[in-house]
Structures are given as structure tokens and as C-alpha cells.
Amino acid sequence: EAHHFEIPEFLSNKDEFKIVNCDKLIKS
């Protein structure tokens, strides 16, 4: 939407993933 491209369509599933925690950098 921000750059006026055609909107993609995703399936609502969640297989393998990771959430990268950056608390150490913020604490620095």
C-alpha cells in the first residue's frame, strides 16, 4: 500500500519461525 503495489494475499498459517530479541542492544 505504501508504494502502490498490488496487495499480496497470504494464507493464515505459521510454520517454522523465529522472533529475534534485541533487548541486549537496547540495554547497551
PDB file of all heavy atoms in Angstrom:
ATOM      1  N   GLU A   1       0.823  -1.207   0.000  1.00  0.00           N
ATOM      2  CA  GLU A   1       0.000   0.000   0.000  1.00  0.00           C
ATOM      3  C   GLU A   1       0.859   1.260   0.000  1.00  0.00           C
ATOM      4  O   GLU A   1       0.545   2.248  -0.682  1.00  0.00           O
ATOM      5  CB  GLU A   1      -0.931  -0.004   1.212  1.00  0.00           C
ATOM      6  CG  GLU A   1      -2.028  -1.055   1.133  1.00  0.00           C
ATOM      7  CD  GLU A   1      -2.853  -1.138   2.410  1.00  0.00           C
ATOM      8  OE1 GLU A   1      -2.349  -0.675   3.470  1.00  0.00           O
ATOM      9  OE2 GLU A   1      -3.981  -1.660   2.350  1.00  0.00           O
ATOM     10  N   ALA A   2       1.967   1.240   0.746  1.00  0.00           N
ATOM     11  CA  ALA A   2       2.816   2.426   0.868  1.00  0.00           C
ATOM     12  C   ALA A   2       3.424   2.840  -0.460  1.00  0.00           C
ATOM     13  O   ALA A   2       3.641   4.036  -0.710  1.00  0.00           O
ATOM     14  CB  ALA A   2       3.919   2.164   1.892  1.00  0.00           C
ATOM     15  N   HIS A   3       3.683   1.868  -1.333  1.00  0.00           N
ATOM     16  CA  HIS A   3       4.346   2.186  -2.596  1.00  0.00           C
ATOM     17  C   HIS A   3       3.486   1.826  -3.818  1.00  0.00           C
ATOM     18  O   HIS A   3       3.991   1.710  -4.920  1.00  0.00           O
ATOM     19  CB  HIS A   3       5.701   1.468  -2.660  1.00  0.00           C
ATOM     20  CG  HIS A   3       6.650   1.954  -1.603  1.00  0.00           C
ATOM     21  ND1 HIS A   3       6.996   1.186  -0.493  1.00  0.00           N
ATOM     22  CD2 HIS A   3       7.299   3.129  -1.457  1.00  0.00           C
ATOM     23  CE1 HIS A   3       7.822   1.875   0.261  1.00  0.00           C
ATOM     24  NE2 HIS A   3       8.024   3.055  -0.277  1.00  0.00           N
ATOM     25  N   HIS A   4       2.179   1.646  -3.545  1.00  0.00           N
ATOM     26  CA  HIS A   4       1.189   1.479  -4.621  1.00  0.00           C
ATOM     27  C   HIS A   4       1.444   0.240  -5.477  1.00  0.00           C
ATOM     28  O   HIS A   4       1.298   0.272  -6.706  1.00  0.00           O
ATOM     29  CB  HIS A   4       1.147   2.744  -5.487  1.00  0.00           C
ATOM     30  CG  HIS A   4       0.994   4.005  -4.698  1.00  0.00           C
ATOM     31  ND1 HIS A   4      -0.160   4.328  -4.019  1.00  0.00           N
ATOM     32  CD2 HIS A   4       1.872   5.023  -4.451  1.00  0.00           C
ATOM     33  CE1 HIS A   4      -0.004   5.482  -3.405  1.00  0.00           C
ATOM     34  NE2 HIS A   4       1.222   5.915  -3.637  1.00  0.00           N
ATOM     35  N   PHE A   5       1.810  -0.855  -4.821  1.00  0.00           N
ATOM     36  CA  PHE A   5       1.902  -2.145  -5.485  1.00  0.00           C
ATOM     37  C   PHE A   5       0.595  -2.904  -5.258  1.00  0.00           C
ATOM     38  O   PHE A   5      -0.161  -2.593  -4.327  1.00  0.00           O
ATOM     39  CB  PHE A   5       3.068  -2.974  -4.941  1.00  0.00           C
ATOM     40  CG  PHE A   5       4.420  -2.378  -5.217  1.00  0.00           C
ATOM     41  CD1 PHE A   5       5.212  -1.899  -4.178  1.00  0.00           C
ATOM     42  CD2 PHE A   5       4.919  -2.299  -6.512  1.00  0.00           C
ATOM     43  CE1 PHE A   5       6.461  -1.353  -4.421  1.00  0.00           C
ATOM     44  CE2 PHE A   5       6.172  -1.759  -6.767  1.00  0.00           C
ATOM     45  CZ  PHE A   5       6.948  -1.281  -5.722  1.00  0.00           C
ATOM     46  N   GLU A   6       0.361  -3.926  -6.086  1.00  0.00           N
ATOM     47  CA  GLU A   6      -0.825  -4.749  -5.902  1.00  0.00           C
ATOM     48  C   GLU A   6      -0.704  -5.524  -4.589  1.00  0.00           C
ATOM     49  O   GLU A   6       0.352  -6.070  -4.271  1.00  0.00           O
ATOM     50  CB  GLU A   6      -0.985  -5.729  -7.069  1.00  0.00           C
ATOM     51  CG  GLU A   6      -2.286  -6.521  -7.030  1.00  0.00           C
ATOM     52  CD  GLU A   6      -2.446  -7.436  -8.227  1.00  0.00           C
ATOM     53  OE1 GLU A   6      -1.624  -7.334  -9.165  1.00  0.00           O
ATOM     54  OE2 GLU A   6      -3.388  -8.260  -8.217  1.00  0.00           O
ATOM     55  N   ILE A   7      -1.797  -5.577  -3.819  1.00  0.00           N
ATOM     56  CA  ILE A   7      -1.763  -6.199  -2.494  1.00  0.00           C
ATOM     57  C   ILE A   7      -1.600  -7.714  -2.617  1.00  0.00           C
ATOM     58  O   ILE A   7      -2.356  -8.373  -3.343  1.00  0.00           O
ATOM     59  CB  ILE A   7      -3.064  -5.889  -1.713  1.00  0.00           C
ATOM     60  CG1 ILE A   7      -3.296  -4.374  -1.645  1.00  0.00           C
ATOM     61  CG2 ILE A   7      -2.982  -6.490  -0.313  1.00  0.00           C
ATOM     62  CD1 ILE A   7      -2.221  -3.602  -0.945  1.00  0.00           C
ATOM     63  N   PRO A   8      -0.622  -8.306  -1.930  1.00  0.00           N
ATOM     64  CA  PRO A   8      -0.475  -9.765  -1.945  1.00  0.00           C
ATOM     65  C   PRO A   8      -1.485 -10.419  -1.010  1.00  0.00           C
ATOM     66  O   PRO A   8      -2.016  -9.765  -0.099  1.00  0.00           O
ATOM     67  CB  PRO A   8       0.955  -9.977  -1.443  1.00  0.00           C
ATOM     68  CG  PRO A   8       1.189  -8.813  -0.524  1.00  0.00           C
ATOM     69  CD  PRO A   8       0.429  -7.652  -1.126  1.00  0.00           C
ATOM     70  N   GLU A   9      -1.735 -11.697  -1.218  1.00  0.00           N
ATOM     71  CA  GLU A   9      -2.649 -12.445  -0.364  1.00  0.00           C
ATOM     72  C   GLU A   9      -1.901 -13.605   0.287  1.00  0.00           C
ATOM     73  O   GLU A   9      -1.290 -14.421  -0.403  1.00  0.00           O
ATOM     74  CB  GLU A   9      -3.839 -12.963  -1.177  1.00  0.00           C
ATOM     75  CG  GLU A   9      -4.729 -11.856  -1.725  1.00  0.00           C
ATOM     76  CD  GLU A   9      -5.902 -12.399  -2.513  1.00  0.00           C
ATOM     77  OE1 GLU A   9      -6.096 -13.634  -2.525  1.00  0.00           O
ATOM     78  OE2 GLU A   9      -6.626 -11.586  -3.132  1.00  0.00           O
ATOM     79  N   PHE A  10      -1.977 -13.647   1.611  1.00  0.00           N
ATOM     80  CA  PHE A  10      -1.271 -14.671   2.381  1.00  0.00           C
ATOM     81  C   PHE A  10      -2.245 -15.656   3.017  1.00  0.00           C
ATOM     82  O   PHE A  10      -3.366 -15.289   3.385  1.00  0.00           O
ATOM     83  CB  PHE A  10      -0.448 -14.024   3.502  1.00  0.00           C
ATOM     84  CG  PHE A  10       0.810 -13.346   3.047  1.00  0.00           C
ATOM     85  CD1 PHE A  10       0.784 -12.038   2.596  1.00  0.00           C
ATOM     86  CD2 PHE A  10       2.021 -14.018   3.063  1.00  0.00           C
ATOM     87  CE1 PHE A  10       1.936 -11.397   2.183  1.00  0.00           C
ATOM     88  CE2 PHE A  10       3.189 -13.397   2.657  1.00  0.00           C
ATOM     89  CZ  PHE A  10       3.150 -12.085   2.211  1.00  0.00           C
ATOM     90  N   LEU A  11      -1.799 -16.881   3.164  1.00  0.00           N
ATOM     91  CA  LEU A  11      -2.528 -17.867   3.949  1.00  0.00           C
ATOM     92  C   LEU A  11      -2.234 -17.627   5.428  1.00  0.00           C
ATOM     93  O   LEU A  11      -1.132 -17.247   5.802  1.00  0.00           O
ATOM     94  CB  LEU A  11      -2.091 -19.286   3.556  1.00  0.00           C
ATOM     95  CG  LEU A  11      -2.287 -19.664   2.090  1.00  0.00           C
ATOM     96  CD1 LEU A  11      -1.682 -21.047   1.827  1.00  0.00           C
ATOM     97  CD2 LEU A  11      -3.764 -19.642   1.720  1.00  0.00           C
ATOM     98  N   SER A  12      -3.224 -17.845   6.258  1.00  0.00           N
ATOM     99  CA  SER A  12      -3.058 -17.588   7.693  1.00  0.00           C
ATOM    100  C   SER A  12      -2.477 -18.811   8.405  1.00  0.00           C
ATOM    101  O   SER A  12      -3.127 -19.425   9.263  1.00  0.00           O
ATOM    102  CB  SER A  12      -4.399 -17.182   8.318  1.00  0.00           C
ATOM    103  OG  SER A  12      -4.834 -15.949   7.800  1.00  0.00           O
ATOM    104  N   ASN A  13      -1.258 -19.149   8.044  1.00  0.00           N
ATOM    105  CA  ASN A  13      -0.601 -20.257   8.737  1.00  0.00           C
ATOM    106  C   ASN A  13       0.739 -19.779   9.270  1.00  0.00           C
ATOM    107  O   ASN A  13       1.236 -18.704   8.927  1.00  0.00           O
ATOM    108  CB  ASN A  13      -0.409 -21.463   7.804  1.00  0.00           C
ATOM    109  CG  ASN A  13       0.556 -21.156   6.675  1.00  0.00           C
ATOM    110  OD1 ASN A  13       0.537 -20.074   6.104  1.00  0.00           O
ATOM    111  ND2 ASN A  13       1.407 -22.117   6.354  1.00  0.00           N
ATOM    112  N   LYS A  14       1.318 -20.556  10.150  1.00  0.00           N
ATOM    113  CA  LYS A  14       2.592 -20.188  10.766  1.00  0.00           C
ATOM    114  C   LYS A  14       3.381 -21.463  11.004  1.00  0.00           C
ATOM    115  O   LYS A  14       3.198 -22.150  12.004  1.00  0.00           O
ATOM    116  CB  LYS A  14       2.360 -19.423  12.076  1.00  0.00           C
ATOM    117  CG  LYS A  14       3.637 -18.935  12.737  1.00  0.00           C
ATOM    118  CD  LYS A  14       3.373 -17.894  13.818  1.00  0.00           C
ATOM    119  CE  LYS A  14       2.531 -18.411  14.957  1.00  0.00           C
ATOM    120  NZ  LYS A  14       2.390 -17.417  16.050  1.00  0.00           N
ATOM    121  N   ASP A  15       4.259 -21.785  10.053  1.00  0.00           N
ATOM    122  CA  ASP A  15       5.073 -22.993  10.190  1.00  0.00           C
ATOM    123  C   ASP A  15       6.299 -22.668  11.031  1.00  0.00           C
ATOM    124  O   ASP A  15       6.175 -22.255  12.168  1.00  0.00           O
ATOM    125  CB  ASP A  15       5.456 -23.526   8.803  1.00  0.00           C
ATOM    126  CG  ASP A  15       4.248 -24.040   8.038  1.00  0.00           C
ATOM    127  OD1 ASP A  15       3.273 -24.439   8.693  1.00  0.00           O
ATOM    128  OD2 ASP A  15       4.282 -24.043   6.799  1.00  0.00           O
ATOM    129  N   GLU A  16       7.476 -22.828  10.495  1.00  0.00           N
ATOM    130  CA  GLU A  16       8.686 -22.545  11.259  1.00  0.00           C
ATOM    131  C   GLU A  16       8.988 -21.047  11.250  1.00  0.00           C
ATOM    132  O   GLU A  16       8.871 -20.385  10.231  1.00  0.00           O
ATOM    133  CB  GLU A  16       9.862 -23.316  10.666  1.00  0.00           C
ATOM    134  CG  GLU A  16       9.697 -24.835  10.782  1.00  0.00           C
ATOM    135  CD  GLU A  16      10.898 -25.573  10.240  1.00  0.00           C
ATOM    136  OE1 GLU A  16      11.656 -24.987   9.450  1.00  0.00           O
ATOM    137  OE2 GLU A  16      11.080 -26.736  10.623  1.00  0.00           O
ATOM    138  N   PHE A  17       9.392 -20.528  12.417  1.00  0.00           N
ATOM    139  CA  PHE A  17       9.679 -19.099  12.520  1.00  0.00           C
ATOM    140  C   PHE A  17      10.582 -18.828  13.710  1.00  0.00           C
ATOM    141  O   PHE A  17      10.882 -19.713  14.514  1.00  0.00           O
ATOM    142  CB  PHE A  17       8.379 -18.299  12.659  1.00  0.00           C
ATOM    143  CG  PHE A  17       7.674 -18.507  13.977  1.00  0.00           C
ATOM    144  CD1 PHE A  17       7.871 -17.633  15.042  1.00  0.00           C
ATOM    145  CD2 PHE A  17       6.824 -19.597  14.176  1.00  0.00           C
ATOM    146  CE1 PHE A  17       7.232 -17.830  16.261  1.00  0.00           C
ATOM    147  CE2 PHE A  17       6.176 -19.793  15.379  1.00  0.00           C
ATOM    148  CZ  PHE A  17       6.379 -18.915  16.434  1.00  0.00           C
ATOM    149  N   LYS A  18      11.009 -17.579  13.827  1.00  0.00           N
ATOM    150  CA  LYS A  18      11.754 -17.120  14.990  1.00  0.00           C
ATOM    151  C   LYS A  18      11.427 -15.650  15.212  1.00  0.00           C
ATOM    152  O   LYS A  18      11.065 -14.930  14.267  1.00  0.00           O
ATOM    153  CB  LYS A  18      13.254 -17.298  14.786  1.00  0.00           C
ATOM    154  CG  LYS A  18      13.841 -16.492  13.638  1.00  0.00           C
ATOM    155  CD  LYS A  18      15.230 -16.954  13.283  1.00  0.00           C
ATOM    156  CE  LYS A  18      15.715 -16.286  11.994  1.00  0.00           C
ATOM    157  NZ  LYS A  18      16.519 -17.165  11.167  1.00  0.00           N
ATOM    158  N   ILE A  19      11.521 -15.226  16.447  1.00  0.00           N
ATOM    159  CA  ILE A  19      11.364 -13.818  16.817  1.00  0.00           C
ATOM    160  C   ILE A  19      12.688 -13.380  17.425  1.00  0.00           C
ATOM    161  O   ILE A  19      13.109 -13.916  18.461  1.00  0.00           O
ATOM    162  CB  ILE A  19      10.224 -13.615  17.823  1.00  0.00           C
ATOM    163  CG1 ILE A  19       8.901 -14.128  17.245  1.00  0.00           C
ATOM    164  CG2 ILE A  19      10.110 -12.143  18.206  1.00  0.00           C
ATOM    165  CD1 ILE A  19       7.759 -14.132  18.250  1.00  0.00           C
ATOM    166  N   VAL A  20      13.368 -12.447  16.781  1.00  0.00           N
ATOM    167  CA  VAL A  20      14.702 -12.056  17.209  1.00  0.00           C
ATOM    168  C   VAL A  20      14.608 -11.000  18.314  1.00  0.00           C
ATOM    169  O   VAL A  20      14.050  -9.915  18.114  1.00  0.00           O
ATOM    170  CB  VAL A  20      15.526 -11.524  16.031  1.00  0.00           C
ATOM    171  CG1 VAL A  20      16.905 -11.070  16.511  1.00  0.00           C
ATOM    172  CG2 VAL A  20      15.670 -12.609  14.957  1.00  0.00           C
ATOM    173  N   ASN A  21      15.127 -11.347  19.476  1.00  0.00           N
ATOM    174  CA  ASN A  21      15.108 -10.468  20.644  1.00  0.00           C
ATOM    175  C   ASN A  21      16.333  -9.555  20.623  1.00  0.00           C
ATOM    176  O   ASN A  21      17.466 -10.023  20.538  1.00  0.00           O
ATOM    177  CB  ASN A  21      15.110 -11.324  21.917  1.00  0.00           C
ATOM    178  CG  ASN A  21      15.055 -10.499  23.183  1.00  0.00           C
ATOM    179  OD1 ASN A  21      15.897  -9.641  23.416  1.00  0.00           O
ATOM    180  ND2 ASN A  21      14.078 -10.764  24.038  1.00  0.00           N
ATOM    181  N   CYS A  22      16.100  -8.240  20.716  1.00  0.00           N
ATOM    182  CA  CYS A  22      17.185  -7.255  20.672  1.00  0.00           C
ATOM    183  C   CYS A  22      17.353  -6.505  21.985  1.00  0.00           C
ATOM    184  O   CYS A  22      17.904  -5.395  22.024  1.00  0.00           O
ATOM    185  CB  CYS A  22      16.939  -6.267  19.538  1.00  0.00           C
ATOM    186  SG  CYS A  22      16.926  -7.044  17.912  1.00  0.00           S
ATOM    187  N   ASP A  23      16.899  -7.118  23.083  1.00  0.00           N
ATOM    188  CA  ASP A  23      16.976  -6.447  24.385  1.00  0.00           C
ATOM    189  C   ASP A  23      18.412  -6.109  24.778  1.00  0.00           C
ATOM    190  O   ASP A  23      18.679  -5.064  25.397  1.00  0.00           O
ATOM    191  CB  ASP A  23      16.353  -7.320  25.479  1.00  0.00           C
ATOM    192  CG  ASP A  23      14.839  -7.381  25.384  1.00  0.00           C
ATOM    193  OD1 ASP A  23      14.259  -6.615  24.583  1.00  0.00           O
ATOM    194  OD2 ASP A  23      14.227  -8.195  26.103  1.00  0.00           O
ATOM    195  N   LYS A  24      19.360  -6.970  24.430  1.00  0.00           N
ATOM    196  CA  LYS A  24      20.759  -6.726  24.823  1.00  0.00           C
ATOM    197  C   LYS A  24      21.265  -5.426  24.203  1.00  0.00           C
ATOM    198  O   LYS A  24      21.942  -4.626  24.876  1.00  0.00           O
ATOM    199  CB  LYS A  24      21.636  -7.907  24.407  1.00  0.00           C
ATOM    200  CG  LYS A  24      23.101  -7.732  24.794  1.00  0.00           C
ATOM    201  CD  LYS A  24      23.940  -8.932  24.378  1.00  0.00           C
ATOM    202  CE  LYS A  24      25.413  -8.714  24.723  1.00  0.00           C
ATOM    203  NZ  LYS A  24      26.265  -9.846  24.297  1.00  0.00           N
ATOM    204  N   LEU A  25      20.958  -5.210  22.939  1.00  0.00           N
ATOM    205  CA  LEU A  25      21.386  -3.979  22.268  1.00  0.00           C
ATOM    206  C   LEU A  25      20.742  -2.755  22.902  1.00  0.00           C
ATOM    207  O   LEU A  25      21.402  -1.734  23.138  1.00  0.00           O
ATOM    208  CB  LEU A  25      21.030  -4.054  20.779  1.00  0.00           C
ATOM    209  CG  LEU A  25      21.363  -2.833  19.929  1.00  0.00           C
ATOM    210  CD1 LEU A  25      22.853  -2.538  19.947  1.00  0.00           C
ATOM    211  CD2 LEU A  25      20.869  -3.026  18.497  1.00  0.00           C
ATOM    212  N   ILE A  26      19.456  -2.851  23.207  1.00  0.00           N
ATOM    213  CA  ILE A  26      18.745  -1.725  23.827  1.00  0.00           C
ATOM    214  C   ILE A  26      19.324  -1.426  25.208  1.00  0.00           C
ATOM    215  O   ILE A  26      19.529  -0.263  25.576  1.00  0.00           O
ATOM    216  CB  ILE A  26      17.236  -2.037  23.904  1.00  0.00           C
ATOM    217  CG1 ILE A  26      16.646  -2.129  22.493  1.00  0.00           C
ATOM    218  CG2 ILE A  26      16.499  -0.979  24.720  1.00  0.00           C
ATOM    219  CD1 ILE A  26      15.246  -2.695  22.436  1.00  0.00           C
ATOM    220  N   LYS A  27      19.639  -2.468  25.970  1.00  0.00           N
ATOM    221  CA  LYS A  27      20.226  -2.280  27.298  1.00  0.00           C
ATOM    222  C   LYS A  27      21.621  -1.662  27.232  1.00  0.00           C
ATOM    223  O   LYS A  27      22.083  -1.052  28.199  1.00  0.00           O
ATOM    224  CB  LYS A  27      20.266  -3.613  28.047  1.00  0.00           C
ATOM    225  CG  LYS A  27      18.893  -4.113  28.482  1.00  0.00           C
ATOM    226  CD  LYS A  27      18.965  -5.486  29.131  1.00  0.00           C
ATOM    227  CE  LYS A  27      17.581  -5.984  29.516  1.00  0.00           C
ATOM    228  NZ  LYS A  27      17.623  -7.362  30.079  1.00  0.00           N
ATOM    229  N   SER A  28      22.289  -1.810  26.084  1.00  0.00           N
ATOM    230  CA  SER A  28      23.612  -1.199  25.920  1.00  0.00           C
ATOM    231  C   SER A  28      23.519   0.308  25.709  1.00  0.00           C
ATOM    232  O   SER A  28      24.536   1.007  25.707  1.00  0.00           O
ATOM    233  CB  SER A  28      24.353  -1.831  24.737  1.00  0.00           C
ATOM    234  OG  SER A  28      23.876  -1.313  23.492  1.00  0.00           O
TER     235      SER A  28
END
